[in-house]
Amino acid sequence: MKSFDIQRFIDDRPLGRAHYTVLALIVLVLFVDGFDIFMVGKIAPAIAEDFGVSSAAMTLVFLLQQAGLAIGSFVVSPLADHFGRKRMLVVSTAIFGLLSILTAFATSIVMLALLRGVSGLFLAGTMPFCMALMAEFAPRRRRSTFLALGVAGYSAGSAAGAAVALLVPHYGWESGFWIGGLWPLLLAPLLMRWLPESLAYRVARDPADPEIPRTIARIDPGVRLTGEEMFVTPDARSGGQKSTLVDMFREGRMRASLIIFAACFLSMGNIALLAAWLPTFFQEMGGISIQRFAIVSMIGFIGGLLGTVTIGFLMDHVRPTLLIPIYYLGVAAMLTLMGHVPFGTPQFVVLLIIWGFCQSGGQAGLNLLMAQIYPTAVRSTGVGWSGGMGRIGGVVAPLFGGFALVSAFSLPLTLTLIALPPVIVAGLILLLKPIRKQPAAAALQRAG
């Protein structure tokens, strides 16, 4: 029986229709995921006003949403390592779509907060499912670029959430949840029909799976299989042995995992804080309406998109442990300056674009490291748990927003304080051992 190395097959194939189909579907899913997660923060003042409560009362909504995202990262994400990336992605997409529509019928802040908490359980799994599937489907020479393009979809969705603020005066805040719910429900059947399951996952779970030859033929119809092949992958576990959580910390991954966990806690916590409260900060502390802020922030999306798309290319040419800290120091500098430059001026728009570039690029860089630190058997678990630590940060950090409002902090002071965590993230990434462009397995052993 002849050995057939699945990873070598994937790496040797030229990019074709199957690769671009997977990329397009992943980008669409992550776009919806980013839209759904961050849209609430863009219209928070409008929701609070409609329910007759203060903006600070939205803290409960952000808190429960982030709690749901955190729990989902730890509980739901690992399911893809046992039931499949595609299956869990379809299920999660359909469920959070339904929950988003239900949220449009919320009759109180408490009800809305509870529904967002439950939605977070399934929203949390989307990123690790997509990153694991993309990392295992794309050729190694294009892996970082494909992953970065996928994350760009997430960033685009986050930015698109700002457009909901323009719909609020005409269709109410509920319009955001209708949009965020219908899109994933339309996507779910497309995923079922066109998205293939990861070959590496199939081989790791059952090398005799009859779907393996079919997926190979889909990627390259010119490959001729005899039926006598023994499908293998470099990191497949012997005897069909199942992975455990401990595997995240084996083979030199302990130190790298702990550093990534801490970096994600601070980075994603900071992103959640800004996504939830930045429009409110400018409205309450700077007198800027959420509609005016939405228009200007959509301009800043240009920077976020460029930062996310280019980080993959740059990480293939520049040492990630030196590159990523530069992005986070840029985040800190831009946030500090944004508190002192008049809103809406050309200088402010430039700062906003650079901030978006650095924030999206820096977090995308962390996501790329997560997807490559863990082998197939625990990739979704590793990415999910790293994200879970970030979601815990997302539970804690937004509390500062309510505190800053109640304490009547000025906008410059608030943004300066928020600029501190990115500086710490930069220092943490510098603590990782140098990771150069190299095969994933070697990079992982040297990262810790």
Protein backbone atom coordinates (compact mmCIF):
# COMPACT_ATOMS: atom_id res chain seq x y z
CA MET A 1 0.00 0.00 0.00
CA LYS A 2 1.47 3.32 -1.09
CA SER A 3 1.65 6.23 1.34
CA PHE A 4 -0.12 9.43 0.19
CA ASP A 5 1.00 12.53 2.09
CA ILE A 6 -1.99 14.86 2.23
CA GLN A 7 0.06 17.86 3.35
CA ARG A 8 2.52 17.45 0.49
CA PHE A 9 -0.38 17.10 -1.95
CA ILE A 10 -1.91 20.37 -0.70
CA ASP A 11 1.41 22.23 -0.72
CA ASP A 12 2.34 21.08 -4.25
CA ARG A 13 -0.95 22.01 -5.90
CA PRO A 14 -1.30 25.32 -7.78
CA LEU A 15 -4.12 27.57 -6.64
CA GLY A 16 -7.38 26.73 -8.37
CA ARG A 17 -11.14 27.07 -8.23
CA ALA A 18 -11.46 24.95 -5.09
CA HIS A 19 -9.04 27.19 -3.16
CA TYR A 20 -10.76 30.40 -4.21
CA THR A 21 -14.19 28.94 -3.43
CA VAL A 22 -13.09 28.10 0.11
CA LEU A 23 -11.48 31.53 0.50
CA ALA A 24 -14.61 33.32 -0.70
CA LEU A 25 -16.89 31.37 1.64
CA ILE A 26 -14.59 31.88 4.62
CA VAL A 27 -14.37 35.62 3.93
CA LEU A 28 -18.18 35.85 3.77
CA VAL A 29 -18.62 33.93 7.02
CA LEU A 30 -16.04 36.01 8.87
CA PHE A 31 -17.58 39.19 7.45
CA VAL A 32 -20.92 38.26 9.01
CA ASP A 33 -19.18 37.23 12.24
CA GLY A 34 -17.36 40.56 12.52
CA PHE A 35 -20.52 42.47 11.68
CA ASP A 36 -22.61 40.66 14.28
CA ILE A 37 -20.07 40.94 17.09
CA PHE A 38 -19.19 44.62 16.74
CA MET A 39 -22.45 46.06 15.38
CA VAL A 40 -23.98 46.50 18.85
CA GLY A 41 -21.30 48.93 19.96
CA LYS A 42 -21.90 51.11 16.91
CA ILE A 43 -25.56 51.69 17.84
CA ALA A 44 -25.35 51.40 21.64
CA PRO A 45 -26.52 54.98 22.33
CA ALA A 46 -29.57 54.47 20.09
CA ILE A 47 -30.51 51.22 21.85
CA ALA A 48 -30.13 52.84 25.26
CA GLU A 49 -32.24 55.83 24.22
CA ASP A 50 -35.02 53.62 22.85
CA PHE A 51 -35.23 51.69 26.14
CA GLY A 52 -35.07 54.91 28.15
CA VAL A 53 -31.82 54.12 29.98
CA SER A 54 -28.41 55.78 30.16
CA SER A 55 -25.59 54.76 27.83
CA ALA A 56 -23.74 53.32 30.83
CA ALA A 57 -26.59 50.78 31.21
CA MET A 58 -25.34 49.12 28.01
CA THR A 59 -22.46 47.74 30.10
CA LEU A 60 -24.65 44.70 30.88
CA VAL A 61 -25.13 43.98 27.17
CA PHE A 62 -21.41 44.17 26.44
CA LEU A 63 -20.57 42.16 29.54
CA LEU A 64 -22.91 39.26 28.72
CA GLN A 65 -21.96 39.25 25.05
CA GLN A 66 -18.29 38.99 25.91
CA ALA A 67 -19.04 36.35 28.56
CA GLY A 68 -20.86 34.31 25.92
CA LEU A 69 -17.95 34.74 23.51
CA ALA A 70 -15.50 33.64 26.21
CA ILE A 71 -17.48 30.54 27.18
CA GLY A 72 -18.03 29.68 23.53
CA SER A 73 -14.32 29.94 22.80
CA PHE A 74 -13.50 27.42 25.52
CA VAL A 75 -16.49 25.09 25.05
CA VAL A 76 -17.69 25.33 21.44
CA SER A 77 -14.37 25.83 19.60
CA PRO A 78 -12.88 22.44 20.62
CA LEU A 79 -15.92 20.66 19.12
CA ALA A 80 -14.49 21.21 15.63
CA ASP A 81 -11.54 18.97 16.54
CA HIS A 82 -14.02 16.17 17.25
CA PHE A 83 -16.99 16.74 14.92
CA GLY A 84 -15.34 18.53 12.01
CA ARG A 85 -14.64 22.13 11.02
CA LYS A 86 -17.34 22.28 8.32
CA ARG A 87 -20.11 20.70 10.39
CA MET A 88 -19.58 22.97 13.37
CA LEU A 89 -19.25 26.05 11.16
CA VAL A 90 -22.60 25.38 9.50
CA VAL A 91 -24.33 24.70 12.83
CA SER A 92 -22.87 27.78 14.54
CA THR A 93 -23.65 30.07 11.60
CA ALA A 94 -27.29 28.97 11.47
CA ILE A 95 -27.80 29.25 15.23
CA PHE A 96 -26.30 32.71 15.70
CA GLY A 97 -28.32 33.87 12.69
CA LEU A 98 -31.55 32.77 14.35
CA LEU A 99 -30.54 34.31 17.67
CA SER A 100 -29.74 37.64 16.01
CA ILE A 101 -33.23 37.80 14.54
CA LEU A 102 -34.74 36.97 17.93
CA THR A 103 -32.75 39.83 19.46
CA ALA A 104 -34.62 42.28 17.22
CA PHE A 105 -37.72 41.43 19.28
CA ALA A 106 -36.09 42.16 22.68
CA THR A 107 -38.36 44.19 24.94
CA SER A 108 -35.80 45.24 27.55
CA ILE A 109 -32.08 45.78 28.02
CA VAL A 110 -31.90 42.65 30.19
CA MET A 111 -33.58 40.51 27.52
CA LEU A 112 -31.31 41.93 24.84
CA ALA A 113 -28.24 41.29 26.99
CA LEU A 114 -29.26 37.66 27.63
CA LEU A 115 -29.83 37.00 23.93
CA ARG A 116 -26.45 38.54 23.07
CA GLY A 117 -24.83 36.34 25.69
CA VAL A 118 -26.30 33.18 24.14
CA SER A 119 -25.42 34.40 20.64
CA GLY A 120 -21.83 34.85 21.78
CA LEU A 121 -21.54 31.11 22.44
CA PHE A 122 -21.84 30.42 18.71
CA LEU A 123 -20.27 33.59 17.37
CA ALA A 124 -17.11 32.64 19.26
CA GLY A 125 -16.61 29.42 17.33
CA THR A 126 -16.69 30.96 13.87
CA MET A 127 -13.16 32.40 13.86
CA PRO A 128 -11.33 29.26 15.10
CA PHE A 129 -13.38 27.02 12.79
CA CYS A 130 -12.53 29.20 9.79
CA MET A 131 -8.87 29.65 10.73
CA ALA A 132 -8.37 25.91 11.24
CA LEU A 133 -10.05 25.04 7.95
CA MET A 134 -8.15 27.69 6.02
CA ALA A 135 -4.78 26.74 7.54
CA GLU A 136 -5.35 23.10 6.57
CA PHE A 137 -6.65 23.81 3.07
CA ALA A 138 -4.27 26.49 1.77
CA PRO A 139 -0.79 25.60 0.40
CA ARG A 140 1.93 26.49 2.87
CA ARG A 141 3.46 29.05 0.53
CA ARG A 142 0.16 30.99 0.51
CA ARG A 143 -1.14 30.10 3.96
CA SER A 144 -0.40 33.39 5.71
CA THR A 145 -1.88 35.36 2.82
CA PHE A 146 -5.06 33.25 2.76
CA LEU A 147 -5.45 33.52 6.52
CA ALA A 148 -4.93 37.27 6.36
CA LEU A 149 -7.56 37.63 3.64
CA GLY A 150 -9.98 35.63 5.77
CA VAL A 151 -9.38 37.91 8.75
CA ALA A 152 -9.82 40.88 6.41
CA GLY A 153 -13.39 39.72 5.95
CA TYR A 154 -13.83 39.86 9.72
CA SER A 155 -12.42 43.40 9.83
CA ALA A 156 -14.64 44.44 6.93
CA GLY A 157 -17.68 43.12 8.77
CA SER A 158 -16.69 45.03 11.87
CA ALA A 159 -16.41 48.25 9.87
CA ALA A 160 -19.67 47.58 8.03
CA GLY A 161 -21.44 47.49 11.38
CA ALA A 162 -20.93 51.25 11.54
CA ALA A 163 -23.30 51.66 8.59
CA VAL A 164 -26.16 50.43 10.78
CA ALA A 165 -26.00 53.75 12.65
CA LEU A 166 -27.14 55.41 9.41
CA LEU A 167 -30.18 53.10 9.25
CA VAL A 168 -31.25 53.69 12.84
CA PRO A 169 -33.11 57.01 12.25
CA HIS A 170 -35.25 55.36 9.56
CA TYR A 171 -35.57 51.70 10.58
CA GLY A 172 -34.61 51.62 14.26
CA TRP A 173 -31.83 49.74 16.01
CA GLU A 174 -33.61 46.46 15.23
CA SER A 175 -32.48 46.75 11.60
CA GLY A 176 -28.93 45.81 12.62
CA PHE A 177 -30.07 42.52 14.11
CA TRP A 178 -32.26 41.69 11.11
CA ILE A 179 -29.30 42.18 8.79
CA GLY A 180 -26.99 40.28 11.13
CA GLY A 181 -29.45 37.40 11.32
CA LEU A 182 -30.59 36.96 7.73
CA TRP A 183 -27.11 36.90 6.19
CA PRO A 184 -25.83 33.87 8.13
CA LEU A 185 -29.09 32.00 7.50
CA LEU A 186 -28.57 32.52 3.77
CA LEU A 187 -24.94 31.46 4.05
CA ALA A 188 -25.54 28.19 5.91
CA PRO A 189 -26.88 26.24 2.89
CA LEU A 190 -24.05 27.57 0.71
CA LEU A 191 -21.54 26.24 3.23
CA MET A 192 -23.21 22.85 3.25
CA ARG A 193 -23.09 22.64 -0.54
CA TRP A 194 -19.75 24.17 -1.49
CA LEU A 195 -17.40 24.12 1.52
CA PRO A 196 -15.22 20.97 1.72
CA GLU A 197 -14.11 19.48 5.00
CA SER A 198 -10.43 19.73 5.92
CA LEU A 199 -8.42 16.87 4.40
CA ALA A 200 -5.99 16.95 7.30
CA TYR A 201 -8.88 16.61 9.74
CA ARG A 202 -10.42 13.71 7.82
CA VAL A 203 -7.11 11.84 7.66
CA ALA A 204 -6.40 12.46 11.35
CA ARG A 205 -9.83 11.11 12.32
CA ASP A 206 -10.21 8.28 9.78
CA PRO A 207 -7.67 7.68 6.98
CA ALA A 208 -10.20 5.35 5.30
CA ASP A 209 -12.88 8.06 5.03
CA PRO A 210 -14.36 7.73 1.50
CA GLU A 211 -14.72 11.52 1.29
CA ILE A 212 -10.92 11.94 1.18
CA PRO A 213 -10.52 10.80 -2.47
CA ARG A 214 -13.54 12.92 -3.48
CA THR A 215 -12.04 16.07 -1.93
CA ILE A 216 -8.67 15.32 -3.56
CA ALA A 217 -10.40 15.07 -6.94
CA ARG A 218 -12.17 18.36 -6.25
CA ILE A 219 -8.85 20.11 -5.59
CA ASP A 220 -7.07 18.48 -8.55
CA PRO A 221 -9.18 16.44 -10.99
CA GLY A 222 -5.98 15.32 -12.71
CA VAL A 223 -4.82 13.18 -9.77
CA ARG A 224 -5.35 9.46 -10.40
CA LEU A 225 -5.96 7.33 -7.32
CA THR A 226 -5.86 3.54 -7.39
CA GLY A 227 -7.76 2.91 -4.17
CA GLU A 228 -4.66 1.40 -2.58
CA GLU A 229 -3.36 4.65 -1.09
CA MET A 230 -2.70 5.01 2.63
CA PHE A 231 -3.49 8.64 3.45
CA VAL A 232 -1.22 10.26 6.05
CA THR A 233 -0.38 13.71 7.43
CA PRO A 234 2.87 14.77 9.17
CA ASP A 235 1.15 15.47 12.51
CA ALA A 236 -1.42 12.64 12.48
CA ARG A 237 -1.67 10.83 15.79
CA SER A 238 -0.91 7.14 15.75
CA GLY A 239 -3.66 4.55 16.12
CA GLY A 240 -6.42 7.13 15.79
CA GLN A 241 -5.60 8.39 19.29
CA LYS A 242 -7.78 11.34 20.21
CA SER A 243 -6.30 14.69 21.13
CA THR A 244 -6.57 16.20 24.60
CA LEU A 245 -6.33 19.74 25.95
CA VAL A 246 -2.87 18.91 27.29
CA ASP A 247 -1.64 18.63 23.70
CA MET A 248 -1.81 22.42 23.45
CA PHE A 249 1.15 22.62 25.81
CA ARG A 250 3.27 19.75 24.55
CA GLU A 251 6.25 19.68 22.17
CA GLY A 252 7.56 23.13 23.07
CA ARG A 253 4.20 24.91 22.94
CA MET A 254 3.86 25.73 26.66
CA ARG A 255 5.76 29.02 26.71
CA ALA A 256 4.40 30.21 23.38
CA SER A 257 0.83 29.35 24.40
CA LEU A 258 1.05 31.25 27.69
CA ILE A 259 2.46 34.33 25.95
CA ILE A 260 -0.20 34.20 23.22
CA PHE A 261 -2.92 33.75 25.86
CA ALA A 262 -1.76 36.86 27.73
CA ALA A 263 -1.36 38.88 24.53
CA CYS A 264 -4.86 37.91 23.36
CA PHE A 265 -6.35 38.81 26.75
CA LEU A 266 -5.00 42.35 26.45
CA SER A 267 -5.38 42.82 22.69
CA MET A 268 -8.88 41.46 22.23
CA GLY A 269 -9.98 43.07 25.49
CA ASN A 270 -8.84 46.42 24.15
CA ILE A 271 -10.61 45.84 20.83
CA ALA A 272 -13.82 44.89 22.63
CA LEU A 273 -13.59 47.99 24.81
CA LEU A 274 -13.16 50.29 21.83
CA ALA A 275 -15.80 48.52 19.73
CA ALA A 276 -18.32 48.83 22.55
CA TRP A 277 -17.61 52.34 23.78
CA LEU A 278 -15.67 54.44 21.25
CA PRO A 279 -18.78 55.95 19.57
CA THR A 280 -20.22 56.63 23.02
CA PHE A 281 -16.95 58.18 24.25
CA PHE A 282 -16.98 60.65 21.37
CA GLN A 283 -20.68 61.40 21.85
CA GLU A 284 -20.61 61.82 25.65
CA MET A 285 -17.11 63.29 26.02
CA GLY A 286 -16.70 65.07 22.69
CA GLY A 287 -20.22 65.96 21.58
CA ILE A 288 -19.98 63.95 18.35
CA SER A 289 -23.19 62.20 17.22
CA ILE A 290 -23.03 58.48 16.49
CA GLN A 291 -24.10 59.18 12.88
CA ARG A 292 -21.23 61.59 12.32
CA PHE A 293 -18.83 59.21 14.05
CA ALA A 294 -20.08 56.33 11.86
CA ILE A 295 -19.31 58.24 8.65
CA VAL A 296 -15.76 59.11 9.74
CA SER A 297 -15.07 55.65 11.20
CA MET A 298 -16.00 54.01 7.88
CA ILE A 299 -13.18 56.01 6.32
CA GLY A 300 -10.89 54.48 8.92
CA PHE A 301 -11.92 51.05 7.59
CA ILE A 302 -9.47 51.62 4.73
CA GLY A 303 -6.61 51.36 7.18
CA GLY A 304 -8.05 48.29 8.88
CA LEU A 305 -8.47 46.48 5.58
CA LEU A 306 -4.95 47.32 4.43
CA GLY A 307 -3.48 46.28 7.78
CA THR A 308 -5.24 42.93 7.72
CA VAL A 309 -4.48 42.12 4.09
CA THR A 310 -0.81 43.09 4.20
CA ILE A 311 0.15 41.42 7.49
CA GLY A 312 0.13 37.96 5.89
CA PHE A 313 2.50 39.03 3.13
CA LEU A 314 4.77 40.86 5.57
CA MET A 315 4.92 37.89 7.95
CA ASP A 316 6.24 35.78 5.09
CA HIS A 317 9.17 38.19 4.74
CA VAL A 318 9.73 39.82 8.16
CA ARG A 319 10.21 38.06 11.49
CA PRO A 320 6.74 38.06 13.13
CA THR A 321 8.12 38.58 16.64
CA LEU A 322 9.60 41.89 15.49
CA LEU A 323 6.83 42.90 13.08
CA ILE A 324 3.77 42.47 15.30
CA PRO A 325 5.09 44.66 18.19
CA ILE A 326 5.50 47.55 15.73
CA TYR A 327 1.79 47.35 14.96
CA TYR A 328 0.83 47.45 18.64
CA LEU A 329 3.09 50.39 19.41
CA GLY A 330 1.38 52.12 16.48
CA VAL A 331 -2.02 51.42 18.08
CA ALA A 332 -0.90 53.03 21.33
CA ALA A 333 0.52 56.11 19.60
CA MET A 334 -2.56 56.69 17.42
CA LEU A 335 -5.04 56.30 20.29
CA THR A 336 -3.15 58.83 22.38
CA LEU A 337 -3.02 61.35 19.54
CA MET A 338 -6.72 60.87 18.64
CA GLY A 339 -7.62 62.24 22.06
CA HIS A 340 -5.91 65.54 21.26
CA VAL A 341 -6.62 66.16 17.56
CA PRO A 342 -10.00 67.75 16.68
CA PHE A 343 -12.52 65.21 15.39
CA GLY A 344 -13.18 65.18 11.66
CA THR A 345 -10.11 67.18 10.64
CA PRO A 346 -7.79 65.74 7.96
CA GLN A 347 -5.22 65.05 10.67
CA PHE A 348 -7.77 63.06 12.68
CA VAL A 349 -8.79 61.02 9.64
CA VAL A 350 -5.12 60.16 8.99
CA LEU A 351 -4.72 59.07 12.61
CA LEU A 352 -7.89 56.99 12.36
CA ILE A 353 -6.66 55.23 9.21
CA ILE A 354 -3.27 54.46 10.75
CA TRP A 355 -4.93 53.27 13.96
CA GLY A 356 -7.18 50.94 11.96
CA PHE A 357 -4.17 49.67 10.03
CA CYS A 358 -2.21 48.91 13.20
CA GLN A 359 -5.08 47.48 15.25
CA SER A 360 -6.42 45.17 12.54
CA GLY A 361 -2.96 44.19 11.35
CA GLY A 362 -1.70 43.49 14.85
CA GLN A 363 -4.63 41.30 15.84
CA ALA A 364 -4.53 39.54 12.47
CA GLY A 365 -0.85 38.81 13.10
CA LEU A 366 -1.75 37.21 16.43
CA ASN A 367 -4.44 35.16 14.70
CA LEU A 368 -1.94 33.91 12.13
CA LEU A 369 0.45 32.84 14.89
CA MET A 370 -2.38 30.98 16.65
CA ALA A 371 -3.29 29.06 13.50
CA GLN A 372 0.31 27.91 13.02
CA ILE A 373 1.31 27.16 16.62
CA TYR A 374 -1.02 24.17 16.94
CA PRO A 375 -1.09 20.91 14.94
CA THR A 376 -4.21 19.59 13.20
CA ALA A 377 -5.41 17.53 16.17
CA VAL A 378 -5.80 20.58 18.43
CA ARG A 379 -5.76 23.49 16.00
CA SER A 380 -9.36 24.61 16.52
CA THR A 381 -8.98 24.03 20.28
CA GLY A 382 -5.77 26.05 20.43
CA VAL A 383 -7.12 28.93 18.38
CA GLY A 384 -10.37 28.80 20.35
CA TRP A 385 -8.68 28.84 23.74
CA SER A 386 -6.39 31.67 22.69
CA GLY A 387 -9.47 33.54 21.56
CA GLY A 388 -11.19 32.52 24.80
CA MET A 389 -8.51 34.31 26.80
CA GLY A 390 -9.12 37.30 24.55
CA ARG A 391 -12.85 37.07 25.22
CA ILE A 392 -12.22 37.05 28.96
CA GLY A 393 -10.31 40.25 28.35
CA GLY A 394 -13.37 41.37 26.43
CA VAL A 395 -15.48 40.80 29.53
CA VAL A 396 -13.16 42.74 31.81
CA ALA A 397 -11.98 45.62 29.60
CA PRO A 398 -15.40 47.08 28.60
CA LEU A 399 -16.14 47.63 32.29
CA PHE A 400 -13.65 50.49 32.04
CA GLY A 401 -15.95 52.22 29.55
CA GLY A 402 -18.80 52.50 32.00
CA PHE A 403 -16.38 53.55 34.74
CA ALA A 404 -14.89 56.28 32.54
CA LEU A 405 -18.33 57.68 31.75
CA VAL A 406 -19.52 57.63 35.35
CA SER A 407 -16.26 59.20 36.50
CA ALA A 408 -16.57 61.97 33.87
CA PHE A 409 -13.11 61.31 32.43
CA SER A 410 -12.02 63.55 29.59
CA LEU A 411 -11.59 62.08 26.12
CA PRO A 412 -7.78 62.58 26.07
CA LEU A 413 -7.36 60.88 29.46
CA THR A 414 -9.64 58.00 28.49
CA LEU A 415 -7.86 57.25 25.22
CA THR A 416 -4.43 57.57 26.83
CA LEU A 417 -5.33 54.98 29.45
CA ILE A 418 -6.72 52.67 26.75
CA ALA A 419 -3.40 53.02 24.90
CA LEU A 420 -1.46 51.25 27.69
CA PRO A 421 -2.47 47.59 26.99
CA PRO A 422 -1.15 47.62 23.39
CA VAL A 423 2.27 48.64 24.71
CA ILE A 424 2.24 45.61 27.02
CA VAL A 425 1.19 43.35 24.12
CA ALA A 426 4.17 44.57 22.11
CA GLY A 427 6.48 43.61 24.98
CA LEU A 428 4.90 40.16 25.32
CA ILE A 429 5.38 39.31 21.64
CA LEU A 430 9.01 40.36 21.89
CA LEU A 431 9.39 37.68 24.59
CA LEU A 432 8.65 34.96 22.05
CA LYS A 433 11.71 33.31 20.60
CA PRO A 434 12.42 34.44 17.01
CA ILE A 435 10.04 32.83 14.54
CA ARG A 436 11.22 33.00 10.97
CA LYS A 437 9.53 31.93 7.75
CA GLN A 438 9.69 28.15 7.96
CA PRO A 439 7.52 25.01 7.96
CA ALA A 440 4.83 25.22 10.62
CA ALA A 441 6.04 22.25 12.68
CA ALA A 442 9.52 23.69 13.01
CA ALA A 443 8.17 27.11 13.85
CA LEU A 444 6.06 25.68 16.61
CA GLN A 445 8.88 23.84 18.30
CA ARG A 446 11.03 26.99 18.26
CA ALA A 447 8.28 29.41 19.29
CA GLY A 448 8.24 28.27 22.87
